Amino acid sequence: MPQPGRLRQLWFRWKALDLPWRKQWLRGFDLAGNSFWEFKETYGAQRFRRIVKYSRRTHYGDIKLTPQWIQWLRHTRSDPPTIAEQQLDEIRQAQLKQLAAAADARWAAKPSALDPPPQPEPTPQLQSRDPAANAPQTEPEEREGVRNVAAAPNQVKARMEDQENVDKGRSKGEKKKEKTPSPWDEAKSQEWQPAPWTPKITRRRG
């Protein structure tokens, strides 16, 4: 707030005196240079009216009143706010803005649930020390298999004979299992009957 000159300060003090013949009394200022006045609307009124006179340096579209002076104008506050009280309120609001900005920065630094998860880095492919392992194949595996069969016919013959022997053994085993007689058939052919049951005679004691 720009400080007024000495003559203007004396004039404000003179206007702030509660003299009985006056119609208006000066009650205070805000940090923007607006002055607040109190007066009686009619003779014998129980409550004074309160008004504000805006500073000539401030445009009407830029005028903003503090909550303390608004409460005083609406008669919800009896005493007008002092300059020191208004300065402390401005310091408090500046600190609140700094704390809010710091809280927003901490919140923005935290990972959000809407963000996609970080993708893992691709692992580099391990290279073999054997140079022959990385060499390209000259022929596919199918051709190599045909080539090996043509190179070793004796081995193929031996494998086929072993397979035939195994198949023959399996067929013989199945025939033997079919020829084994069943004990139930033998029991049916014989004329066998179970012996009759004879109870034992028990002696009386005593």
N, C-alpha and C. Protein backbone atom coordinates (compact mmCIF):
# COMPACT_ATOMS: atom_id res chain seq x y z
N MET A 1 0.85 -1.20 0.00
CA MET A 1 0.00 0.00 0.00
C MET A 1 0.88 1.24 0.00
N PRO A 2 0.70 2.18 -0.92
CA PRO A 2 1.51 3.40 -0.90
C PRO A 2 1.13 4.28 0.28
N GLN A 3 2.14 4.76 0.97
CA GLN A 3 1.91 5.60 2.14
C GLN A 3 1.50 7.01 1.70
N PRO A 4 0.42 7.57 2.26
CA PRO A 4 0.03 8.95 1.92
C PRO A 4 0.98 9.96 2.57
N GLY A 5 0.91 11.19 2.07
CA GLY A 5 1.75 12.24 2.64
C GLY A 5 1.30 12.65 4.04
N ARG A 6 2.09 13.58 4.63
CA ARG A 6 1.78 14.00 6.00
C ARG A 6 0.46 14.77 6.06
N LEU A 7 0.24 15.66 5.11
CA LEU A 7 -1.00 16.42 5.11
C LEU A 7 -2.21 15.51 4.97
N ARG A 8 -2.08 14.48 4.11
CA ARG A 8 -3.21 13.56 3.92
C ARG A 8 -3.41 12.70 5.16
N GLN A 9 -2.33 12.31 5.82
CA GLN A 9 -2.46 11.55 7.05
C GLN A 9 -3.18 12.37 8.13
N LEU A 10 -2.82 13.67 8.22
CA LEU A 10 -3.50 14.53 9.19
C LEU A 10 -4.98 14.69 8.84
N TRP A 11 -5.26 14.76 7.55
CA TRP A 11 -6.66 14.88 7.14
C TRP A 11 -7.45 13.62 7.48
N PHE A 12 -6.83 12.43 7.31
CA PHE A 12 -7.49 11.17 7.65
C PHE A 12 -7.73 11.07 9.15
N ARG A 13 -6.77 11.50 9.93
CA ARG A 13 -6.97 11.47 11.37
C ARG A 13 -8.10 12.41 11.80
N TRP A 14 -8.17 13.54 11.13
CA TRP A 14 -9.25 14.49 11.44
C TRP A 14 -10.60 13.90 11.07
N LYS A 15 -10.68 13.19 9.96
CA LYS A 15 -11.93 12.58 9.55
C LYS A 15 -12.31 11.38 10.42
N ALA A 16 -11.32 10.76 11.06
CA ALA A 16 -11.61 9.59 11.90
C ALA A 16 -12.14 9.97 13.27
N LEU A 17 -12.07 11.25 13.66
CA LEU A 17 -12.58 11.67 14.96
C LEU A 17 -14.11 11.62 14.98
N ASP A 18 -14.66 11.09 16.08
CA ASP A 18 -16.12 10.97 16.22
C ASP A 18 -16.68 12.29 16.79
N LEU A 19 -16.84 13.25 15.92
CA LEU A 19 -17.42 14.53 16.32
C LEU A 19 -18.92 14.51 16.11
N PRO A 20 -19.70 15.12 17.01
CA PRO A 20 -21.17 14.98 16.93
C PRO A 20 -21.80 15.66 15.73
N TRP A 21 -21.20 16.68 15.20
CA TRP A 21 -21.83 17.40 14.07
C TRP A 21 -21.51 16.78 12.70
N ARG A 22 -20.70 15.75 12.69
CA ARG A 22 -20.34 15.13 11.41
C ARG A 22 -21.41 14.12 10.99
N LYS A 23 -21.47 13.96 9.67
CA LYS A 23 -22.38 12.96 9.10
C LYS A 23 -21.66 11.65 8.73
N GLN A 24 -20.36 11.70 8.47
CA GLN A 24 -19.59 10.51 8.09
C GLN A 24 -18.32 10.46 8.94
N TRP A 25 -17.88 9.22 9.22
CA TRP A 25 -16.65 9.02 9.98
C TRP A 25 -15.78 7.99 9.25
N LEU A 26 -14.51 8.26 9.15
CA LEU A 26 -13.56 7.34 8.50
C LEU A 26 -13.21 6.22 9.48
N ARG A 27 -13.28 4.96 8.98
CA ARG A 27 -13.02 3.80 9.84
C ARG A 27 -11.75 3.03 9.48
N GLY A 28 -11.23 3.21 8.29
CA GLY A 28 -9.98 2.51 7.98
C GLY A 28 -9.73 2.41 6.49
N PHE A 29 -8.59 1.73 6.17
CA PHE A 29 -8.15 1.53 4.78
C PHE A 29 -7.81 0.05 4.58
N ASP A 30 -7.74 -0.31 3.31
CA ASP A 30 -7.18 -1.62 2.96
C ASP A 30 -5.85 -1.42 2.25
N LEU A 31 -5.18 -2.50 1.90
CA LEU A 31 -3.85 -2.42 1.30
C LEU A 31 -3.89 -1.88 -0.13
N ALA A 32 -5.06 -1.85 -0.76
CA ALA A 32 -5.19 -1.31 -2.12
C ALA A 32 -5.47 0.18 -2.14
N GLY A 33 -5.66 0.83 -0.98
CA GLY A 33 -5.92 2.27 -0.92
C GLY A 33 -7.38 2.64 -0.85
N ASN A 34 -8.28 1.67 -0.72
CA ASN A 34 -9.70 1.97 -0.58
C ASN A 34 -10.00 2.40 0.86
N SER A 35 -10.91 3.36 1.01
CA SER A 35 -11.29 3.87 2.33
C SER A 35 -12.70 3.42 2.68
N PHE A 36 -12.91 3.18 3.97
CA PHE A 36 -14.20 2.66 4.46
C PHE A 36 -14.76 3.66 5.46
N TRP A 37 -16.08 3.96 5.28
CA TRP A 37 -16.73 5.02 6.04
C TRP A 37 -17.99 4.48 6.71
N GLU A 38 -18.40 5.20 7.72
CA GLU A 38 -19.60 4.86 8.48
C GLU A 38 -20.41 6.14 8.70
N PHE A 39 -21.74 6.06 8.56
CA PHE A 39 -22.58 7.25 8.73
C PHE A 39 -24.00 6.82 9.11
N LYS A 40 -24.77 7.83 9.58
CA LYS A 40 -26.17 7.60 9.92
C LYS A 40 -27.04 8.00 8.74
N GLU A 41 -27.92 7.08 8.34
CA GLU A 41 -28.78 7.37 7.19
C GLU A 41 -29.89 8.35 7.56
N THR A 42 -30.53 8.18 8.67
CA THR A 42 -31.60 9.07 9.15
C THR A 42 -31.36 9.41 10.62
N TYR A 43 -31.97 10.45 11.05
CA TYR A 43 -31.80 10.87 12.44
C TYR A 43 -32.51 9.87 13.37
N GLY A 44 -31.83 9.41 14.39
CA GLY A 44 -32.39 8.46 15.34
C GLY A 44 -32.28 7.01 14.92
N ALA A 45 -31.56 6.71 13.85
CA ALA A 45 -31.39 5.31 13.43
C ALA A 45 -30.49 4.58 14.42
N GLN A 46 -30.82 3.33 14.68
CA GLN A 46 -30.07 2.57 15.66
C GLN A 46 -28.75 2.01 15.10
N ARG A 47 -28.68 1.80 13.82
CA ARG A 47 -27.47 1.22 13.23
C ARG A 47 -26.92 2.14 12.15
N PHE A 48 -25.58 2.24 12.10
CA PHE A 48 -24.91 3.07 11.10
C PHE A 48 -24.80 2.31 9.78
N ARG A 49 -24.76 3.05 8.72
CA ARG A 49 -24.51 2.46 7.41
C ARG A 49 -23.02 2.47 7.14
N ARG A 50 -22.57 1.50 6.38
CA ARG A 50 -21.14 1.36 6.09
C ARG A 50 -20.96 1.31 4.57
N ILE A 51 -20.01 2.09 4.08
CA ILE A 51 -19.75 2.16 2.64
C ILE A 51 -18.25 2.13 2.41
N VAL A 52 -17.86 1.94 1.15
CA VAL A 52 -16.46 1.94 0.73
C VAL A 52 -16.30 2.95 -0.40
N LYS A 53 -15.24 3.72 -0.35
CA LYS A 53 -14.88 4.65 -1.42
C LYS A 53 -13.60 4.14 -2.07
N TYR A 54 -13.71 3.79 -3.35
CA TYR A 54 -12.59 3.15 -4.04
C TYR A 54 -11.51 4.17 -4.38
N SER A 55 -10.30 3.65 -4.51
CA SER A 55 -9.16 4.51 -4.86
C SER A 55 -9.27 4.95 -6.33
N ARG A 56 -8.83 6.17 -6.60
CA ARG A 56 -8.90 6.68 -7.97
C ARG A 56 -7.85 6.01 -8.87
N ARG A 57 -6.80 5.44 -8.30
CA ARG A 57 -5.74 4.81 -9.09
C ARG A 57 -6.13 3.41 -9.59
N THR A 58 -7.13 2.81 -8.99
CA THR A 58 -7.52 1.44 -9.34
C THR A 58 -8.74 1.47 -10.26
N HIS A 59 -8.68 0.66 -11.33
CA HIS A 59 -9.83 0.54 -12.24
C HIS A 59 -10.94 -0.24 -11.55
N TYR A 60 -12.17 0.09 -11.93
CA TYR A 60 -13.31 -0.56 -11.28
C TYR A 60 -13.34 -2.08 -11.54
N GLY A 61 -12.81 -2.49 -12.69
CA GLY A 61 -12.78 -3.93 -12.97
C GLY A 61 -11.73 -4.68 -12.17
N ASP A 62 -10.75 -3.97 -11.61
CA ASP A 62 -9.67 -4.61 -10.85
C ASP A 62 -9.86 -4.49 -9.35
N ILE A 63 -10.97 -3.96 -8.90
CA ILE A 63 -11.18 -3.77 -7.46
C ILE A 63 -11.53 -5.11 -6.81
N LYS A 64 -10.80 -5.43 -5.74
CA LYS A 64 -11.05 -6.65 -4.96
C LYS A 64 -10.97 -6.29 -3.48
N LEU A 65 -11.99 -6.65 -2.75
CA LEU A 65 -12.02 -6.39 -1.31
C LEU A 65 -11.66 -7.65 -0.55
N THR A 66 -11.00 -7.49 0.58
CA THR A 66 -10.60 -8.62 1.41
C THR A 66 -11.81 -9.13 2.20
N PRO A 67 -11.77 -10.40 2.62
CA PRO A 67 -12.91 -10.94 3.39
C PRO A 67 -13.15 -10.19 4.70
N GLN A 68 -12.09 -9.66 5.32
CA GLN A 68 -12.28 -8.94 6.59
C GLN A 68 -13.13 -7.69 6.40
N TRP A 69 -12.83 -6.91 5.34
CA TRP A 69 -13.61 -5.70 5.10
C TRP A 69 -15.02 -6.03 4.61
N ILE A 70 -15.20 -7.13 3.89
CA ILE A 70 -16.55 -7.54 3.46
C ILE A 70 -17.40 -7.89 4.68
N GLN A 71 -16.80 -8.57 5.65
CA GLN A 71 -17.54 -8.88 6.88
C GLN A 71 -17.93 -7.60 7.63
N TRP A 72 -17.02 -6.62 7.63
CA TRP A 72 -17.33 -5.36 8.32
C TRP A 72 -18.45 -4.61 7.60
N LEU A 73 -18.44 -4.61 6.27
CA LEU A 73 -19.50 -3.93 5.53
C LEU A 73 -20.86 -4.59 5.73
N ARG A 74 -20.90 -5.89 5.95
CA ARG A 74 -22.16 -6.61 6.13
C ARG A 74 -22.57 -6.70 7.60
N HIS A 75 -21.87 -6.01 8.47
CA HIS A 75 -22.19 -5.96 9.90
C HIS A 75 -22.02 -7.32 10.59
N THR A 76 -21.28 -8.24 10.00
CA THR A 76 -20.95 -9.48 10.69
C THR A 76 -19.69 -9.34 11.53
N ARG A 77 -19.03 -8.21 11.40
CA ARG A 77 -17.84 -7.91 12.20
C ARG A 77 -18.00 -6.48 12.73
N SER A 78 -17.80 -6.33 14.03
CA SER A 78 -18.03 -5.01 14.64
C SER A 78 -16.85 -4.07 14.45
N ASP A 79 -15.62 -4.54 14.70
CA ASP A 79 -14.43 -3.69 14.61
C ASP A 79 -13.81 -3.80 13.21
N PRO A 80 -13.36 -2.71 12.64
CA PRO A 80 -12.70 -2.78 11.32
C PRO A 80 -11.32 -3.40 11.44
N PRO A 81 -10.86 -4.12 10.41
CA PRO A 81 -9.52 -4.73 10.46
C PRO A 81 -8.42 -3.68 10.35
N THR A 82 -7.31 -3.93 11.03
CA THR A 82 -6.17 -3.02 10.99
C THR A 82 -5.25 -3.36 9.81
N ILE A 83 -4.30 -2.47 9.57
CA ILE A 83 -3.34 -2.70 8.48
C ILE A 83 -2.45 -3.90 8.79
N ALA A 84 -2.03 -4.05 10.04
CA ALA A 84 -1.18 -5.18 10.42
C ALA A 84 -1.91 -6.51 10.22
N GLU A 85 -3.18 -6.55 10.56
CA GLU A 85 -3.96 -7.78 10.37
C GLU A 85 -4.07 -8.14 8.90
N GLN A 86 -4.26 -7.15 8.06
CA GLN A 86 -4.37 -7.42 6.62
C GLN A 86 -3.03 -7.88 6.04
N GLN A 87 -1.92 -7.33 6.52
CA GLN A 87 -0.61 -7.76 6.04
C GLN A 87 -0.32 -9.20 6.45
N LEU A 88 -0.66 -9.58 7.67
CA LEU A 88 -0.47 -10.96 8.11
C LEU A 88 -1.33 -11.93 7.30
N ASP A 89 -2.52 -11.50 6.93
CA ASP A 89 -3.39 -12.36 6.12
C ASP A 89 -2.80 -12.57 4.73
N GLU A 90 -2.19 -11.54 4.17
CA GLU A 90 -1.54 -11.70 2.86
C GLU A 90 -0.36 -12.66 2.94
N ILE A 91 0.43 -12.58 4.02
CA ILE A 91 1.56 -13.51 4.20
C ILE A 91 1.04 -14.94 4.33
N ARG A 92 -0.05 -15.12 5.06
CA ARG A 92 -0.62 -16.46 5.23
C ARG A 92 -1.09 -17.04 3.89
N GLN A 93 -1.73 -16.22 3.08
CA GLN A 93 -2.20 -16.69 1.77
C GLN A 93 -1.03 -17.06 0.86
N ALA A 94 0.06 -16.29 0.91
CA ALA A 94 1.24 -16.62 0.09
C ALA A 94 1.85 -17.94 0.53
N GLN A 95 1.91 -18.19 1.84
CA GLN A 95 2.44 -19.47 2.33
C GLN A 95 1.54 -20.63 1.93
N LEU A 96 0.24 -20.42 1.96
CA LEU A 96 -0.68 -21.48 1.53
C LEU A 96 -0.49 -21.83 0.06
N LYS A 97 -0.26 -20.81 -0.77
CA LYS A 97 -0.03 -21.07 -2.19
C LYS A 97 1.26 -21.87 -2.40
N GLN A 98 2.31 -21.53 -1.64
CA GLN A 98 3.56 -22.28 -1.77
C GLN A 98 3.39 -23.73 -1.34
N LEU A 99 2.69 -23.95 -0.23
CA LEU A 99 2.47 -25.32 0.24
C LEU A 99 1.61 -26.11 -0.75
N ALA A 100 0.62 -25.46 -1.34
CA ALA A 100 -0.22 -26.15 -2.32
C ALA A 100 0.57 -26.51 -3.57
N ALA A 101 1.46 -25.60 -4.01
CA ALA A 101 2.29 -25.90 -5.19
C ALA A 101 3.25 -27.05 -4.90
N ALA A 102 3.83 -27.08 -3.67
CA ALA A 102 4.73 -28.18 -3.31
C ALA A 102 3.98 -29.50 -3.24
N ALA A 103 2.75 -29.48 -2.71
CA ALA A 103 1.95 -30.72 -2.65
C ALA A 103 1.58 -31.21 -4.05
N ASP A 104 1.25 -30.28 -4.95
CA ASP A 104 0.95 -30.68 -6.33
C ASP A 104 2.17 -31.28 -7.02
N ALA A 105 3.35 -30.72 -6.74
CA ALA A 105 4.57 -31.26 -7.35
C ALA A 105 4.87 -32.66 -6.83
N ARG A 106 4.66 -32.90 -5.52
CA ARG A 106 4.88 -34.25 -4.98
C ARG A 106 3.88 -35.24 -5.55
N TRP A 107 2.65 -34.79 -5.71
CA TRP A 107 1.62 -35.68 -6.26
C TRP A 107 1.91 -36.02 -7.72
N ALA A 108 2.39 -35.03 -8.47
CA ALA A 108 2.71 -35.28 -9.88
C ALA A 108 3.92 -36.19 -10.04
N ALA A 109 4.83 -36.18 -9.05
CA ALA A 109 6.02 -37.04 -9.13
C ALA A 109 5.70 -38.51 -8.87
N LYS A 110 4.59 -38.80 -8.18
CA LYS A 110 4.24 -40.18 -7.89
C LYS A 110 3.71 -40.87 -9.15
N PRO A 111 4.00 -42.17 -9.32
CA PRO A 111 3.47 -42.88 -10.50
C PRO A 111 1.96 -43.03 -10.41
N SER A 112 1.30 -42.81 -11.53
CA SER A 112 -0.15 -42.90 -11.57
C SER A 112 -0.58 -44.31 -11.95
N ALA A 113 -1.77 -44.69 -11.48
CA ALA A 113 -2.31 -46.01 -11.83
C ALA A 113 -2.73 -46.08 -13.29
N LEU A 114 -2.95 -44.94 -13.93
CA LEU A 114 -3.34 -44.93 -15.34
C LEU A 114 -2.15 -45.06 -16.28
N ASP A 115 -0.94 -44.85 -15.77
CA ASP A 115 0.24 -44.96 -16.62
C ASP A 115 0.53 -46.42 -16.95
N PRO A 116 0.97 -46.75 -18.17
CA PRO A 116 1.31 -48.15 -18.49
C PRO A 116 2.54 -48.59 -17.72
N PRO A 117 2.64 -49.88 -17.39
CA PRO A 117 3.82 -50.35 -16.65
C PRO A 117 5.07 -50.26 -17.52
N PRO A 118 6.20 -50.05 -16.90
CA PRO A 118 7.45 -49.95 -17.69
C PRO A 118 7.80 -51.29 -18.34
N GLN A 119 8.18 -51.25 -19.60
CA GLN A 119 8.54 -52.46 -20.32
C GLN A 119 9.98 -52.86 -20.00
N PRO A 120 10.22 -54.16 -19.78
CA PRO A 120 11.60 -54.58 -19.48
C PRO A 120 12.50 -54.44 -20.70
N GLU A 121 13.75 -54.17 -20.44
CA GLU A 121 14.71 -54.02 -21.53
C GLU A 121 15.02 -55.39 -22.15
N PRO A 122 15.12 -55.48 -23.47
CA PRO A 122 15.44 -56.77 -24.09
C PRO A 122 16.85 -57.22 -23.75
N THR A 123 16.96 -58.51 -23.38
CA THR A 123 18.27 -59.05 -23.02
C THR A 123 19.06 -59.36 -24.29
N PRO A 124 20.33 -59.02 -24.32
CA PRO A 124 21.13 -59.31 -25.52
C PRO A 124 21.35 -60.81 -25.70
N GLN A 125 21.36 -61.27 -26.94
CA GLN A 125 21.53 -62.68 -27.24
C GLN A 125 22.97 -63.10 -26.98
N LEU A 126 23.12 -64.23 -26.25
CA LEU A 126 24.45 -64.72 -25.92
C LEU A 126 25.08 -65.38 -27.14
N GLN A 127 26.30 -65.04 -27.41
CA GLN A 127 27.02 -65.60 -28.55
C GLN A 127 27.91 -66.75 -28.09
N SER A 128 27.89 -67.83 -28.85
CA SER A 128 28.71 -68.99 -28.52
C SER A 128 30.16 -68.75 -28.93
N ARG A 129 31.08 -69.33 -28.13
CA ARG A 129 32.50 -69.20 -28.44
C ARG A 129 32.92 -70.09 -29.60
N ASP A 130 32.13 -71.16 -29.86
CA ASP A 130 32.46 -72.08 -30.94
C ASP A 130 32.09 -71.42 -32.27
N PRO A 131 33.05 -71.18 -33.16
CA PRO A 131 32.69 -70.55 -34.45
C PRO A 131 31.86 -71.46 -35.34
N ALA A 132 31.96 -72.79 -35.14
CA ALA A 132 31.20 -73.70 -35.99
C ALA A 132 29.71 -73.68 -35.66
N ALA A 133 29.37 -73.27 -34.40
CA ALA A 133 27.96 -73.25 -34.01
C ALA A 133 27.19 -72.16 -34.74
N ASN A 134 27.88 -71.03 -35.03
CA ASN A 134 27.23 -69.92 -35.72
C ASN A 134 27.28 -70.05 -37.24
N ALA A 135 27.97 -71.07 -37.74
CA ALA A 135 28.10 -71.22 -39.19
C ALA A 135 26.77 -71.66 -39.78
N PRO A 136 26.37 -71.18 -40.94
CA PRO A 136 25.08 -71.58 -41.54
C PRO A 136 25.15 -73.01 -42.06
N GLN A 137 24.04 -73.71 -42.00
CA GLN A 137 23.96 -75.08 -42.49
C GLN A 137 23.87 -75.07 -44.01
N THR A 138 24.68 -75.93 -44.61
CA THR A 138 24.70 -75.99 -46.07
C THR A 138 23.53 -76.79 -46.61
N GLU A 139 23.05 -77.81 -45.83
CA GLU A 139 21.94 -78.64 -46.26
C GLU A 139 20.92 -78.75 -45.14
N PRO A 140 19.66 -78.86 -45.46
CA PRO A 140 18.65 -79.05 -44.41
C PRO A 140 18.78 -80.41 -43.75
N GLU A 141 18.10 -80.55 -42.61
CA GLU A 141 18.22 -81.79 -41.84
C GLU A 141 17.65 -82.98 -42.58
N GLU A 142 16.58 -82.79 -43.37
CA GLU A 142 15.98 -83.92 -44.09
C GLU A 142 16.96 -84.52 -45.09
N ARG A 143 17.69 -83.66 -45.81
CA ARG A 143 18.66 -84.18 -46.78
C ARG A 143 19.81 -84.89 -46.08
N GLU A 144 20.20 -84.37 -44.94
CA GLU A 144 21.30 -85.03 -44.22
C GLU A 144 20.87 -86.41 -43.76
N GLY A 145 19.59 -86.57 -43.32
CA GLY A 145 19.12 -87.89 -42.90
C GLY A 145 19.11 -88.88 -44.05
N VAL A 146 18.65 -88.44 -45.22
CA VAL A 146 18.65 -89.32 -46.40
C VAL A 146 20.07 -89.71 -46.78
N ARG A 147 20.96 -88.75 -46.64
CA ARG A 147 22.35 -89.03 -46.99
C ARG A 147 22.97 -90.06 -46.05
N ASN A 148 22.63 -89.97 -44.76
CA ASN A 148 23.17 -90.94 -43.80
C ASN A 148 22.61 -92.33 -44.05
N VAL A 149 21.31 -92.40 -44.44
CA VAL A 149 20.73 -93.72 -44.72
C VAL A 149 21.38 -94.36 -45.94
N ALA A 150 21.61 -93.56 -46.94
CA ALA A 150 22.26 -94.10 -48.14
C ALA A 150 23.70 -94.51 -47.86
N ALA A 151 24.35 -93.84 -46.91
CA ALA A 151 25.75 -94.15 -46.63
C ALA A 151 25.88 -95.41 -45.80
N ALA A 152 24.86 -95.77 -44.95
CA ALA A 152 24.99 -96.94 -44.08
C ALA A 152 23.79 -97.86 -44.28
N PRO A 153 23.72 -98.64 -45.36
CA PRO A 153 22.58 -99.55 -45.57
C PRO A 153 22.60 -100.74 -44.63
N ASN A 154 23.80 -101.16 -44.19
CA ASN A 154 23.88 -102.31 -43.28
C ASN A 154 23.20 -102.01 -41.95
N GLN A 155 23.35 -100.80 -41.49
CA GLN A 155 22.71 -100.43 -40.22
C GLN A 155 21.20 -100.45 -40.35
N VAL A 156 20.69 -100.01 -41.47
CA VAL A 156 19.24 -100.01 -41.67
C VAL A 156 18.71 -101.43 -41.71
N LYS A 157 19.47 -102.35 -42.38
CA LYS A 157 19.05 -103.75 -42.44
C LYS A 157 19.00 -104.37 -41.06
N ALA A 158 20.03 -104.07 -40.27
CA ALA A 158 20.08 -104.65 -38.93
C ALA A 158 18.92 -104.15 -38.08
N ARG A 159 18.58 -102.91 -38.23
CA ARG A 159 17.46 -102.37 -37.46
C ARG A 159 16.14 -103.01 -37.89
N MET A 160 15.98 -103.24 -39.19
CA MET A 160 14.74 -103.86 -39.67
C MET A 160 14.63 -105.30 -39.17
N GLU A 161 15.75 -106.04 -39.15
CA GLU A 161 15.71 -107.42 -38.65
C GLU A 161 15.37 -107.45 -37.17
N ASP A 162 15.96 -106.52 -36.41
CA ASP A 162 15.64 -106.48 -34.97
C ASP A 162 14.16 -106.20 -34.76
N GLN A 163 13.62 -105.32 -35.57
CA GLN A 163 12.20 -104.99 -35.43
C GLN A 163 11.33 -106.19 -35.76
N GLU A 164 11.71 -106.98 -36.79
CA GLU A 164 10.94 -108.17 -37.14
C GLU A 164 11.00 -109.21 -36.03
N ASN A 165 12.17 -109.37 -35.40
CA ASN A 165 12.30 -110.33 -34.30
C ASN A 165 11.42 -109.93 -33.12
N VAL A 166 11.40 -108.64 -32.85
CA VAL A 166 10.56 -108.17 -31.74
C VAL A 166 9.10 -108.44 -32.04
N ASP A 167 8.67 -108.19 -33.29
CA ASP A 167 7.27 -108.42 -33.65
C ASP A 167 6.91 -109.89 -33.55
N LYS A 168 7.86 -110.77 -33.97
CA LYS A 168 7.60 -112.21 -33.87
C LYS A 168 7.46 -112.65 -32.43
N GLY A 169 8.33 -112.12 -31.57
CA GLY A 169 8.24 -112.49 -30.15
C GLY A 169 6.92 -112.06 -29.54
N ARG A 170 6.46 -110.92 -29.95
CA ARG A 170 5.18 -110.45 -29.42
C ARG A 170 4.04 -111.34 -29.88
N SER A 171 4.07 -111.75 -31.16
CA SER A 171 2.99 -112.60 -31.66
C SER A 171 3.00 -113.97 -30.99
N LYS A 172 4.21 -114.52 -30.71
CA LYS A 172 4.29 -115.81 -30.02
C LYS A 172 3.75 -115.70 -28.61
N GLY A 173 4.09 -114.62 -27.95
CA GLY A 173 3.60 -114.45 -26.58
C GLY A 173 2.08 -114.35 -26.54
N GLU A 174 1.52 -113.71 -27.53
CA GLU A 174 0.07 -113.60 -27.56
C GLU A 174 -0.58 -114.96 -27.81
N LYS A 175 0.06 -115.79 -28.68
CA LYS A 175 -0.49 -117.13 -28.94
C LYS A 175 -0.43 -118.00 -27.70
N LYS A 176 0.70 -117.90 -26.95
CA LYS A 176 0.83 -118.70 -25.73
C LYS A 176 -0.23 -118.30 -24.72
N LYS A 177 -0.48 -117.05 -24.64
CA LYS A 177 -1.51 -116.60 -23.70
C LYS A 177 -2.87 -117.12 -24.10
N GLU A 178 -3.13 -117.24 -25.36
CA GLU A 178 -4.43 -117.74 -25.81
C GLU A 178 -4.59 -119.23 -25.52
N LYS A 179 -3.47 -120.04 -25.56
CA LYS A 179 -3.54 -121.49 -25.37
C LYS A 179 -3.62 -121.89 -23.91
N THR A 180 -3.30 -121.06 -22.97
CA THR A 180 -3.31 -121.45 -21.55
C THR A 180 -4.73 -121.75 -21.13
N PRO A 181 -5.00 -122.95 -20.54
CA PRO A 181 -6.37 -123.32 -20.15
C PRO A 181 -6.82 -122.53 -18.93
N SER A 182 -8.10 -122.34 -18.84
CA SER A 182 -8.67 -121.60 -17.72
C SER A 182 -9.06 -122.58 -16.62
N PRO A 183 -8.80 -122.30 -15.36
CA PRO A 183 -9.19 -123.22 -14.27
C PRO A 183 -10.69 -123.36 -14.13
N TRP A 184 -11.44 -122.40 -14.56
CA TRP A 184 -12.89 -122.47 -14.43
C TRP A 184 -13.47 -123.50 -15.41
N ASP A 185 -12.83 -123.62 -16.57
CA ASP A 185 -13.31 -124.65 -17.50
C ASP A 185 -13.08 -126.04 -16.95
N GLU A 186 -11.91 -126.27 -16.33
CA GLU A 186 -11.63 -127.59 -15.74
C GLU A 186 -12.61 -127.90 -14.62
N ALA A 187 -12.97 -126.94 -13.82
CA ALA A 187 -13.90 -127.18 -12.71
C ALA A 187 -15.28 -127.56 -13.21
N LYS A 188 -15.68 -127.02 -14.35
CA LYS A 188 -16.98 -127.35 -14.90
C LYS A 188 -17.02 -128.78 -15.44
N SER A 189 -15.89 -129.24 -16.02
CA SER A 189 -15.88 -130.58 -16.63
C SER A 189 -15.87 -131.68 -15.58
N GLN A 190 -15.26 -131.50 -14.43
CA GLN A 190 -15.19 -132.53 -13.39
C GLN A 190 -16.48 -132.56 -12.59
N GLU A 191 -16.80 -133.78 -12.11
CA GLU A 191 -17.99 -133.94 -11.26
C GLU A 191 -17.58 -133.76 -9.82
N TRP A 192 -17.45 -132.56 -9.46
CA TRP A 192 -17.00 -132.23 -8.09
C TRP A 192 -18.10 -131.50 -7.37
N GLN A 193 -18.35 -131.94 -6.11
CA GLN A 193 -19.36 -131.31 -5.29
C GLN A 193 -18.77 -131.02 -3.92
N PRO A 194 -19.20 -129.99 -3.30
CA PRO A 194 -18.67 -129.68 -1.96
C PRO A 194 -19.24 -130.63 -0.91
N ALA A 195 -18.48 -130.90 0.16
CA ALA A 195 -18.91 -131.82 1.22
C ALA A 195 -20.00 -131.16 2.06
N PRO A 196 -20.95 -131.99 2.58
CA PRO A 196 -22.01 -131.40 3.43
C PRO A 196 -21.44 -130.91 4.75
N TRP A 197 -22.13 -129.99 5.32
CA TRP A 197 -21.65 -129.36 6.57
C TRP A 197 -22.17 -130.14 7.75
N THR A 198 -21.26 -130.52 8.67
CA THR A 198 -21.64 -131.27 9.87
C THR A 198 -21.25 -130.45 11.08
N PRO A 199 -22.21 -130.09 11.90
CA PRO A 199 -21.87 -129.28 13.09
C PRO A 199 -21.20 -130.13 14.16
N LYS A 200 -20.34 -129.52 14.96
CA LYS A 200 -19.65 -130.19 16.06
C LYS A 200 -20.53 -130.18 17.30
N ILE A 201 -20.44 -131.33 18.07
CA ILE A 201 -21.24 -131.45 19.31
C ILE A 201 -20.45 -130.81 20.43
N THR A 202 -21.08 -129.87 21.13
CA THR A 202 -20.41 -129.19 22.25
C THR A 202 -20.87 -129.81 23.56
N ARG A 203 -19.94 -130.01 24.47
CA ARG A 203 -20.24 -130.57 25.78
C ARG A 203 -20.64 -129.47 26.75
N ARG A 204 -21.57 -129.84 27.65
CA ARG A 204 -21.98 -128.89 28.67
C ARG A 204 -20.98 -128.88 29.81
N ARG A 205 -20.74 -127.71 30.32
CA ARG A 205 -19.80 -127.56 31.45
C ARG A 205 -20.56 -127.70 32.78
N GLY A 206 -19.85 -128.28 33.75
CA GLY A 206 -20.44 -128.37 35.09
C GLY A 206 -20.92 -129.74 35.36
